[in-house]
Full PDB file with SEQRES, HELIX, SHEET, SSBOND, CRYST1, ORIGX, SCALE, CONECT and MASTER records, all heavy atoms in Angstrom:
SEQRES   1 A   30  VAL HIS GLU SER PHE HIS ALA ILE SER TYR GLU MET SER          
SEQRES   2 A   30  VAL ILE TRP ASP GLU PHE LEU ASP LEU SER GLY TRP LYS          
SEQRES   3 A   30  GLU GLU GLY ASP                                              
HELIX    1 AA1 HIS A    2  GLU A   11  1                                  10    
HELIX    2 AA2 SER A   13  SER A   23  1                                  11    
CRYST1    1.000    1.000    1.000  90.00  90.00  90.00 P 1           1          
ORIGX1      1.000000  0.000000  0.000000        0.00000                         
ORIGX2      0.000000  1.000000  0.000000        0.00000                         
ORIGX3      0.000000  0.000000  1.000000        0.00000                         
SCALE1      1.000000  0.000000  0.000000        0.00000                         
SCALE2      0.000000  1.000000  0.000000        0.00000                         
SCALE3      0.000000  0.000000  1.000000        0.00000                         
ATOM      1  N   VAL A   1      11.842  11.204  -1.150  1.00  0.00           N  
ATOM      2  CA  VAL A   1      11.401  10.273  -0.116  1.00  0.00           C  
ATOM      3  C   VAL A   1      10.014   9.709  -0.458  1.00  0.00           C  
ATOM      4  O   VAL A   1       9.767   8.502  -0.352  1.00  0.00           O  
ATOM      5  CB  VAL A   1      11.376  10.972   1.260  1.00  0.00           C  
ATOM      6  CG1 VAL A   1      10.750  10.053   2.326  1.00  0.00           C  
ATOM      7  CG2 VAL A   1      12.784  11.372   1.683  1.00  0.00           C  
ATOM      8  N   HIS A   2       9.094  10.591  -0.868  1.00  0.00           N  
ATOM      9  CA  HIS A   2       7.751  10.187  -1.239  1.00  0.00           C  
ATOM     10  C   HIS A   2       7.787   9.110  -2.328  1.00  0.00           C  
ATOM     11  O   HIS A   2       7.140   8.052  -2.215  1.00  0.00           O  
ATOM     12  CB  HIS A   2       6.952  11.404  -1.688  1.00  0.00           C  
ATOM     13  CG  HIS A   2       5.568  11.094  -2.200  1.00  0.00           C  
ATOM     14  ND1 HIS A   2       4.458  11.248  -1.407  1.00  0.00           N  
ATOM     15  CD2 HIS A   2       5.128  10.673  -3.395  1.00  0.00           C  
ATOM     16  CE1 HIS A   2       3.384  10.903  -2.107  1.00  0.00           C  
ATOM     17  NE2 HIS A   2       3.764  10.554  -3.315  1.00  0.00           N  
ATOM     18  N   GLU A   3       8.518   9.374  -3.403  1.00  0.00           N  
ATOM     19  CA  GLU A   3       8.575   8.425  -4.508  1.00  0.00           C  
ATOM     20  C   GLU A   3       9.280   7.127  -4.121  1.00  0.00           C  
ATOM     21  O   GLU A   3       8.942   6.047  -4.620  1.00  0.00           O  
ATOM     22  CB  GLU A   3       9.239   9.061  -5.721  1.00  0.00           C  
ATOM     23  CG  GLU A   3       8.543  10.311  -6.254  1.00  0.00           C  
ATOM     24  CD  GLU A   3       7.074  10.103  -6.581  1.00  0.00           C  
ATOM     25  OE1 GLU A   3       6.700   8.988  -7.011  1.00  0.00           O  
ATOM     26  OE2 GLU A   3       6.286  11.075  -6.440  1.00  0.00           O  
ATOM     27  N   SER A   4      10.252   7.219  -3.210  1.00  0.00           N  
ATOM     28  CA  SER A   4      10.938   6.020  -2.744  1.00  0.00           C  
ATOM     29  C   SER A   4       9.965   5.105  -1.987  1.00  0.00           C  
ATOM     30  O   SER A   4      10.043   3.879  -2.091  1.00  0.00           O  
ATOM     31  CB  SER A   4      12.102   6.382  -1.836  1.00  0.00           C  
ATOM     32  OG  SER A   4      13.124   7.052  -2.559  1.00  0.00           O  
ATOM     33  N   PHE A   5       9.039   5.691  -1.252  1.00  0.00           N  
ATOM     34  CA  PHE A   5       8.066   4.891  -0.566  1.00  0.00           C  
ATOM     35  C   PHE A   5       7.027   4.293  -1.516  1.00  0.00           C  
ATOM     36  O   PHE A   5       6.449   3.233  -1.221  1.00  0.00           O  
ATOM     37  CB  PHE A   5       7.373   5.679   0.559  1.00  0.00           C  
ATOM     38  CG  PHE A   5       8.146   5.653   1.844  1.00  0.00           C  
ATOM     39  CD1 PHE A   5       8.835   6.786   2.288  1.00  0.00           C  
ATOM     40  CD2 PHE A   5       8.242   4.494   2.593  1.00  0.00           C  
ATOM     41  CE1 PHE A   5       9.577   6.747   3.462  1.00  0.00           C  
ATOM     42  CE2 PHE A   5       8.964   4.459   3.782  1.00  0.00           C  
ATOM     43  CZ  PHE A   5       9.653   5.598   4.191  1.00  0.00           C  
ATOM     44  N   HIS A   6       6.792   4.928  -2.657  1.00  0.00           N  
ATOM     45  CA  HIS A   6       5.989   4.263  -3.699  1.00  0.00           C  
ATOM     46  C   HIS A   6       6.702   2.987  -4.150  1.00  0.00           C  
ATOM     47  O   HIS A   6       6.090   1.940  -4.331  1.00  0.00           O  
ATOM     48  CB  HIS A   6       5.799   5.186  -4.903  1.00  0.00           C  
ATOM     49  CG  HIS A   6       4.658   6.158  -4.750  1.00  0.00           C  
ATOM     50  ND1 HIS A   6       3.420   5.781  -4.292  1.00  0.00           N  
ATOM     51  CD2 HIS A   6       4.578   7.484  -5.018  1.00  0.00           C  
ATOM     52  CE1 HIS A   6       2.616   6.830  -4.269  1.00  0.00           C  
ATOM     53  NE2 HIS A   6       3.296   7.879  -4.698  1.00  0.00           N  
ATOM     54  N   ALA A   7       8.022   3.058  -4.332  1.00  0.00           N  
ATOM     55  CA  ALA A   7       8.788   1.887  -4.708  1.00  0.00           C  
ATOM     56  C   ALA A   7       8.672   0.794  -3.653  1.00  0.00           C  
ATOM     57  O   ALA A   7       8.522  -0.391  -3.961  1.00  0.00           O  
ATOM     58  CB  ALA A   7      10.244   2.270  -4.947  1.00  0.00           C  
ATOM     59  N   ILE A   8       8.754   1.197  -2.382  1.00  0.00           N  
ATOM     60  CA  ILE A   8       8.620   0.243  -1.299  1.00  0.00           C  
ATOM     61  C   ILE A   8       7.255  -0.424  -1.287  1.00  0.00           C  
ATOM     62  O   ILE A   8       7.137  -1.645  -1.080  1.00  0.00           O  
ATOM     63  CB  ILE A   8       8.868   0.949   0.054  1.00  0.00           C  
ATOM     64  CG1 ILE A   8      10.370   1.302   0.201  1.00  0.00           C  
ATOM     65  CG2 ILE A   8       8.412   0.071   1.229  1.00  0.00           C  
ATOM     66  CD1 ILE A   8      10.678   2.162   1.407  1.00  0.00           C  
ATOM     67  N   SER A   9       6.194   0.339  -1.557  1.00  0.00           N  
ATOM     68  CA  SER A   9       4.855  -0.231  -1.516  1.00  0.00           C  
ATOM     69  C   SER A   9       4.674  -1.294  -2.613  1.00  0.00           C  
ATOM     70  O   SER A   9       3.909  -2.278  -2.414  1.00  0.00           O  
ATOM     71  CB  SER A   9       3.784   0.883  -1.689  1.00  0.00           C  
ATOM     72  OG  SER A   9       3.766   1.379  -3.024  1.00  0.00           O  
ATOM     73  N   TYR A  10       5.364  -1.132  -3.744  1.00  0.00           N  
ATOM     74  CA  TYR A  10       5.320  -2.129  -4.813  1.00  0.00           C  
ATOM     75  C   TYR A  10       6.128  -3.365  -4.414  1.00  0.00           C  
ATOM     76  O   TYR A  10       5.766  -4.500  -4.781  1.00  0.00           O  
ATOM     77  CB  TYR A  10       5.888  -1.561  -6.112  1.00  0.00           C  
ATOM     78  CG  TYR A  10       4.888  -0.772  -6.945  1.00  0.00           C  
ATOM     79  CD1 TYR A  10       4.533   0.515  -6.567  1.00  0.00           C  
ATOM     80  CD2 TYR A  10       4.331  -1.296  -8.074  1.00  0.00           C  
ATOM     81  CE1 TYR A  10       3.640   1.250  -7.310  1.00  0.00           C  
ATOM     82  CE2 TYR A  10       3.443  -0.558  -8.857  1.00  0.00           C  
ATOM     83  CZ  TYR A  10       3.101   0.708  -8.472  1.00  0.00           C  
ATOM     84  OH  TYR A  10       2.196   1.459  -9.206  1.00  0.00           O  
ATOM     85  N   GLU A  11       7.200  -3.171  -3.723  1.00  0.00           N  
ATOM     86  CA  GLU A  11       8.160  -4.256  -3.472  1.00  0.00           C  
ATOM     87  C   GLU A  11       7.886  -5.017  -2.188  1.00  0.00           C  
ATOM     88  O   GLU A  11       8.113  -6.226  -2.130  1.00  0.00           O  
ATOM     89  CB  GLU A  11       9.583  -3.694  -3.443  1.00  0.00           C  
ATOM     90  CG  GLU A  11      10.655  -4.751  -3.360  1.00  0.00           C  
ATOM     91  CD  GLU A  11      12.018  -4.191  -3.792  1.00  0.00           C  
ATOM     92  OE1 GLU A  11      12.070  -3.476  -4.805  1.00  0.00           O  
ATOM     93  OE2 GLU A  11      12.987  -4.496  -3.099  1.00  0.00           O  
ATOM     94  N   MET A  12       7.402  -4.351  -1.164  1.00  0.00           N  
ATOM     95  CA  MET A  12       7.189  -4.972   0.144  1.00  0.00           C  
ATOM     96  C   MET A  12       5.714  -5.158   0.382  1.00  0.00           C  
ATOM     97  O   MET A  12       5.055  -4.369   1.064  1.00  0.00           O  
ATOM     98  CB  MET A  12       7.836  -4.118   1.231  1.00  0.00           C  
ATOM     99  CG  MET A  12       9.338  -3.919   1.025  1.00  0.00           C  
ATOM    100  SD  MET A  12      10.098  -2.899   2.337  1.00  0.00           S  
ATOM    101  CE  MET A  12      11.797  -2.817   1.732  1.00  0.00           C  
ATOM    102  N   SER A  13       5.163  -6.220  -0.201  1.00  0.00           N  
ATOM    103  CA  SER A  13       3.714  -6.431  -0.219  1.00  0.00           C  
ATOM    104  C   SER A  13       3.133  -6.647   1.162  1.00  0.00           C  
ATOM    105  O   SER A  13       1.973  -6.298   1.428  1.00  0.00           O  
ATOM    106  CB  SER A  13       3.358  -7.602  -1.143  1.00  0.00           C  
ATOM    107  OG  SER A  13       4.009  -8.784  -0.691  1.00  0.00           O  
ATOM    108  N   VAL A  14       3.898  -7.225   2.067  1.00  0.00           N  
ATOM    109  CA  VAL A  14       3.393  -7.477   3.419  1.00  0.00           C  
ATOM    110  C   VAL A  14       3.073  -6.151   4.130  1.00  0.00           C  
ATOM    111  O   VAL A  14       2.010  -6.000   4.754  1.00  0.00           O  
ATOM    112  CB  VAL A  14       4.435  -8.271   4.269  1.00  0.00           C  
ATOM    113  CG1 VAL A  14       3.972  -8.365   5.729  1.00  0.00           C  
ATOM    114  CG2 VAL A  14       4.599  -9.674   3.687  1.00  0.00           C  
ATOM    115  N   ILE A  15       3.970  -5.177   3.993  1.00  0.00           N  
ATOM    116  CA  ILE A  15       3.726  -3.864   4.612  1.00  0.00           C  
ATOM    117  C   ILE A  15       2.549  -3.166   3.938  1.00  0.00           C  
ATOM    118  O   ILE A  15       1.701  -2.560   4.594  1.00  0.00           O  
ATOM    119  CB  ILE A  15       4.990  -2.998   4.530  1.00  0.00           C  
ATOM    120  CG1 ILE A  15       6.143  -3.668   5.306  1.00  0.00           C  
ATOM    121  CG2 ILE A  15       4.731  -1.592   5.068  1.00  0.00           C  
ATOM    122  CD1 ILE A  15       7.471  -2.969   5.157  1.00  0.00           C  
ATOM    123  N   TRP A  16       2.496  -3.270   2.610  1.00  0.00           N  
ATOM    124  CA  TRP A  16       1.397  -2.670   1.865  1.00  0.00           C  
ATOM    125  C   TRP A  16       0.049  -3.219   2.302  1.00  0.00           C  
ATOM    126  O   TRP A  16      -0.899  -2.485   2.553  1.00  0.00           O  
ATOM    127  CB  TRP A  16       1.605  -2.855   0.368  1.00  0.00           C  
ATOM    128  CG  TRP A  16       0.481  -2.439  -0.479  1.00  0.00           C  
ATOM    129  CD1 TRP A  16      -0.362  -3.273  -1.203  1.00  0.00           C  
ATOM    130  CD2 TRP A  16      -0.024  -1.121  -0.735  1.00  0.00           C  
ATOM    131  NE1 TRP A  16      -1.313  -2.552  -1.872  1.00  0.00           N  
ATOM    132  CE2 TRP A  16      -1.139  -1.238  -1.602  1.00  0.00           C  
ATOM    133  CE3 TRP A  16       0.374   0.138  -0.306  1.00  0.00           C  
ATOM    134  CZ2 TRP A  16      -1.847  -0.119  -2.044  1.00  0.00           C  
ATOM    135  CZ3 TRP A  16      -0.358   1.264  -0.752  1.00  0.00           C  
ATOM    136  CH2 TRP A  16      -1.438   1.112  -1.615  1.00  0.00           C  
ATOM    137  N   ASP A  17      -0.044  -4.558   2.417  1.00  0.00           N  
ATOM    138  CA  ASP A  17      -1.291  -5.209   2.807  1.00  0.00           C  
ATOM    139  C   ASP A  17      -1.681  -4.818   4.237  1.00  0.00           C  
ATOM    140  O   ASP A  17      -2.861  -4.604   4.544  1.00  0.00           O  
ATOM    141  CB  ASP A  17      -1.167  -6.731   2.691  1.00  0.00           C  
ATOM    142  CG  ASP A  17      -1.081  -7.187   1.243  1.00  0.00           C  
ATOM    143  OD1 ASP A  17      -1.463  -6.427   0.354  1.00  0.00           O  
ATOM    144  OD2 ASP A  17      -0.598  -8.330   1.018  1.00  0.00           O  
ATOM    145  N   GLU A  18      -0.682  -4.738   5.131  1.00  0.00           N  
ATOM    146  CA  GLU A  18      -0.969  -4.340   6.502  1.00  0.00           C  
ATOM    147  C   GLU A  18      -1.478  -2.911   6.531  1.00  0.00           C  
ATOM    148  O   GLU A  18      -2.405  -2.567   7.310  1.00  0.00           O  
ATOM    149  CB  GLU A  18       0.279  -4.485   7.364  1.00  0.00           C  
ATOM    150  CG  GLU A  18       0.046  -4.248   8.837  1.00  0.00           C  
ATOM    151  CD  GLU A  18       1.266  -4.490   9.693  1.00  0.00           C  
ATOM    152  OE1 GLU A  18       2.191  -5.171   9.213  1.00  0.00           O  
ATOM    153  OE2 GLU A  18       1.288  -3.972  10.836  1.00  0.00           O  
ATOM    154  N   PHE A  19      -0.890  -2.036   5.711  1.00  0.00           N  
ATOM    155  CA  PHE A  19      -1.336  -0.641   5.644  1.00  0.00           C  
ATOM    156  C   PHE A  19      -2.792  -0.574   5.170  1.00  0.00           C  
ATOM    157  O   PHE A  19      -3.604   0.176   5.751  1.00  0.00           O  
ATOM    158  CB  PHE A  19      -0.437   0.147   4.692  1.00  0.00           C  
ATOM    159  CG  PHE A  19      -1.024   1.441   4.252  1.00  0.00           C  
ATOM    160  CD1 PHE A  19      -1.007   2.546   5.111  1.00  0.00           C  
ATOM    161  CD2 PHE A  19      -1.588   1.598   2.991  1.00  0.00           C  
ATOM    162  CE1 PHE A  19      -1.569   3.761   4.704  1.00  0.00           C  
ATOM    163  CE2 PHE A  19      -2.135   2.795   2.589  1.00  0.00           C  
ATOM    164  CZ  PHE A  19      -2.121   3.883   3.450  1.00  0.00           C  
ATOM    165  N   LEU A  20      -3.159  -1.331   4.121  1.00  0.00           N  
ATOM    166  CA  LEU A  20      -4.527  -1.328   3.621  1.00  0.00           C  
ATOM    167  C   LEU A  20      -5.514  -1.764   4.693  1.00  0.00           C  
ATOM    168  O   LEU A  20      -6.563  -1.173   4.873  1.00  0.00           O  
ATOM    169  CB  LEU A  20      -4.655  -2.220   2.385  1.00  0.00           C  
ATOM    170  CG  LEU A  20      -4.012  -1.731   1.099  1.00  0.00           C  
ATOM    171  CD1 LEU A  20      -4.229  -2.726  -0.013  1.00  0.00           C  
ATOM    172  CD2 LEU A  20      -4.546  -0.368   0.672  1.00  0.00           C  
ATOM    173  N   ASP A  21      -5.156  -2.841   5.423  1.00  0.00           N  
ATOM    174  CA  ASP A  21      -6.058  -3.352   6.466  1.00  0.00           C  
ATOM    175  C   ASP A  21      -6.244  -2.298   7.558  1.00  0.00           C  
ATOM    176  O   ASP A  21      -7.340  -2.101   8.080  1.00  0.00           O  
ATOM    177  CB  ASP A  21      -5.487  -4.622   7.079  1.00  0.00           C  
ATOM    178  CG  ASP A  21      -5.563  -5.796   6.126  1.00  0.00           C  
ATOM    179  OD1 ASP A  21      -6.364  -5.739   5.179  1.00  0.00           O  
ATOM    180  OD2 ASP A  21      -4.823  -6.773   6.312  1.00  0.00           O  
ATOM    181  N   LEU A  22      -5.163  -1.617   7.935  1.00  0.00           N  
ATOM    182  CA  LEU A  22      -5.211  -0.655   9.021  1.00  0.00           C  
ATOM    183  C   LEU A  22      -5.868   0.645   8.634  1.00  0.00           C  
ATOM    184  O   LEU A  22      -6.616   1.252   9.389  1.00  0.00           O  
ATOM    185  CB  LEU A  22      -3.777  -0.378   9.533  1.00  0.00           C  
ATOM    186  CG  LEU A  22      -3.637   0.541  10.754  1.00  0.00           C  
ATOM    187  CD1 LEU A  22      -4.320  -0.094  11.970  1.00  0.00           C  
ATOM    188  CD2 LEU A  22      -2.165   0.767  11.071  1.00  0.00           C  
ATOM    189  N   SER A  23      -5.617   1.097   7.395  1.00  0.00           N  
ATOM    190  CA  SER A  23      -6.091   2.405   6.959  1.00  0.00           C  
ATOM    191  C   SER A  23      -7.579   2.441   6.624  1.00  0.00           C  
ATOM    192  O   SER A  23      -8.259   3.438   6.811  1.00  0.00           O  
ATOM    193  CB  SER A  23      -5.321   2.899   5.748  1.00  0.00           C  
ATOM    194  OG  SER A  23      -5.584   2.079   4.613  1.00  0.00           O  
ATOM    195  N   GLY A  24      -8.102   1.316   6.075  1.00  0.00           N  
ATOM    196  CA  GLY A  24      -9.525   1.300   5.698  1.00  0.00           C  
ATOM    197  C   GLY A  24      -9.793   1.554   4.252  1.00  0.00           C  
ATOM    198  O   GLY A  24     -10.946   1.651   3.851  1.00  0.00           O  
ATOM    199  N   TRP A  25      -8.748   1.645   3.408  1.00  0.00           N  
ATOM    200  CA  TRP A  25      -8.952   1.817   1.980  1.00  0.00           C  
ATOM    201  C   TRP A  25      -9.331   0.481   1.345  1.00  0.00           C  
ATOM    202  O   TRP A  25      -8.778  -0.554   1.672  1.00  0.00           O  
ATOM    203  CB  TRP A  25      -7.685   2.334   1.300  1.00  0.00           C  
ATOM    204  CG  TRP A  25      -7.421   3.793   1.464  1.00  0.00           C  
ATOM    205  CD1 TRP A  25      -6.504   4.372   2.303  1.00  0.00           C  
ATOM    206  CD2 TRP A  25      -8.068   4.866   0.776  1.00  0.00           C  
ATOM    207  NE1 TRP A  25      -6.544   5.739   2.166  1.00  0.00           N  
ATOM    208  CE2 TRP A  25      -7.503   6.081   1.236  1.00  0.00           C  
ATOM    209  CE3 TRP A  25      -9.076   4.928  -0.171  1.00  0.00           C  
ATOM    210  CZ2 TRP A  25      -7.891   7.327   0.767  1.00  0.00           C  
ATOM    211  CZ3 TRP A  25      -9.479   6.145  -0.656  1.00  0.00           C  
ATOM    212  CH2 TRP A  25      -8.889   7.347  -0.176  1.00  0.00           C  
ATOM    213  N   LYS A  26     -10.268   0.557   0.377  1.00  0.00           N  
ATOM    214  CA  LYS A  26     -10.643  -0.641  -0.374  1.00  0.00           C  
ATOM    215  C   LYS A  26     -10.889  -0.264  -1.831  1.00  0.00           C  
ATOM    216  O   LYS A  26     -11.384   0.819  -2.140  1.00  0.00           O  
ATOM    217  CB  LYS A  26     -11.926  -1.277   0.211  1.00  0.00           C  
ATOM    218  CG  LYS A  26     -11.731  -1.893   1.580  1.00  0.00           C  
ATOM    219  CD  LYS A  26     -13.034  -2.550   2.051  1.00  0.00           C  
ATOM    220  CE  LYS A  26     -12.836  -3.169   3.435  1.00  0.00           C  
ATOM    221  NZ  LYS A  26     -14.109  -3.788   3.917  1.00  0.00           N  
ATOM    222  N   GLU A  27     -10.509  -1.172  -2.747  1.00  0.00           N  
ATOM    223  CA  GLU A  27     -10.801  -0.988  -4.152  1.00  0.00           C  
ATOM    224  C   GLU A  27     -12.022  -1.847  -4.512  1.00  0.00           C  
ATOM    225  O   GLU A  27     -12.066  -3.039  -4.219  1.00  0.00           O  
ATOM    226  CB  GLU A  27      -9.607  -1.435  -5.016  1.00  0.00           C  
ATOM    227  CG  GLU A  27      -8.401  -0.535  -4.861  1.00  0.00           C  
ATOM    228  CD  GLU A  27      -7.270  -0.922  -5.767  1.00  0.00           C  
ATOM    229  OE1 GLU A  27      -7.270  -2.079  -6.240  1.00  0.00           O  
ATOM    230  OE2 GLU A  27      -6.385  -0.094  -6.005  1.00  0.00           O  
ATOM    231  N   GLU A  28     -13.014  -1.217  -5.110  1.00  0.00           N  
ATOM    232  CA  GLU A  28     -14.261  -1.899  -5.465  1.00  0.00           C  
ATOM    233  C   GLU A  28     -14.606  -1.559  -6.906  1.00  0.00           C  
ATOM    234  O   GLU A  28     -15.333  -0.589  -7.195  1.00  0.00           O  
ATOM    235  CB  GLU A  28     -15.376  -1.457  -4.521  1.00  0.00           C  
ATOM    236  CG  GLU A  28     -15.067  -1.727  -3.061  1.00  0.00           C  
ATOM    237  CD  GLU A  28     -15.989  -1.043  -2.091  1.00  0.00           C  
ATOM    238  OE1 GLU A  28     -16.674  -0.056  -2.530  1.00  0.00           O  
ATOM    239  OE2 GLU A  28     -16.062  -1.456  -0.931  1.00  0.00           O  
ATOM    240  N   GLY A  29     -14.074  -2.348  -7.839  1.00  0.00           N  
ATOM    241  CA  GLY A  29     -14.293  -2.095  -9.254  1.00  0.00           C  
ATOM    242  C   GLY A  29     -13.649  -0.782  -9.677  1.00  0.00           C  
ATOM    243  O   GLY A  29     -12.452  -0.598  -9.517  1.00  0.00           O  
ATOM    244  N   ASP A  30     -14.451   0.159 -10.185  1.00  0.00           N  
ATOM    245  CA  ASP A  30     -13.923   1.466 -10.594  1.00  0.00           C  
ATOM    246  C   ASP A  30     -14.077   2.499  -9.485  1.00  0.00           C  
ATOM    247  O   ASP A  30     -14.025   3.694  -9.744  1.00  0.00           O  
ATOM    248  CB  ASP A  30     -14.580   1.956 -11.877  1.00  0.00           C  
ATOM    249  CG  ASP A  30     -16.107   2.111 -11.740  1.00  0.00           C  
ATOM    250  OD1 ASP A  30     -16.618   1.737 -10.652  1.00  0.00           O  
ATOM    251  OD2 ASP A  30     -16.741   2.586 -12.684  1.00  0.00           O  
TER     252      ASP A  30                                                      
MASTER        0    0    0    2    0    0    0    6  251    1    0    3          
END                                                                             
């Protein structure tokens, strides 16, 4: 199930982006 949701995060970008906005994670260089 965990790895299947990794596949979903790659494929369903709208859900992934909404998750990032809601969770508070940000990538800043390294």
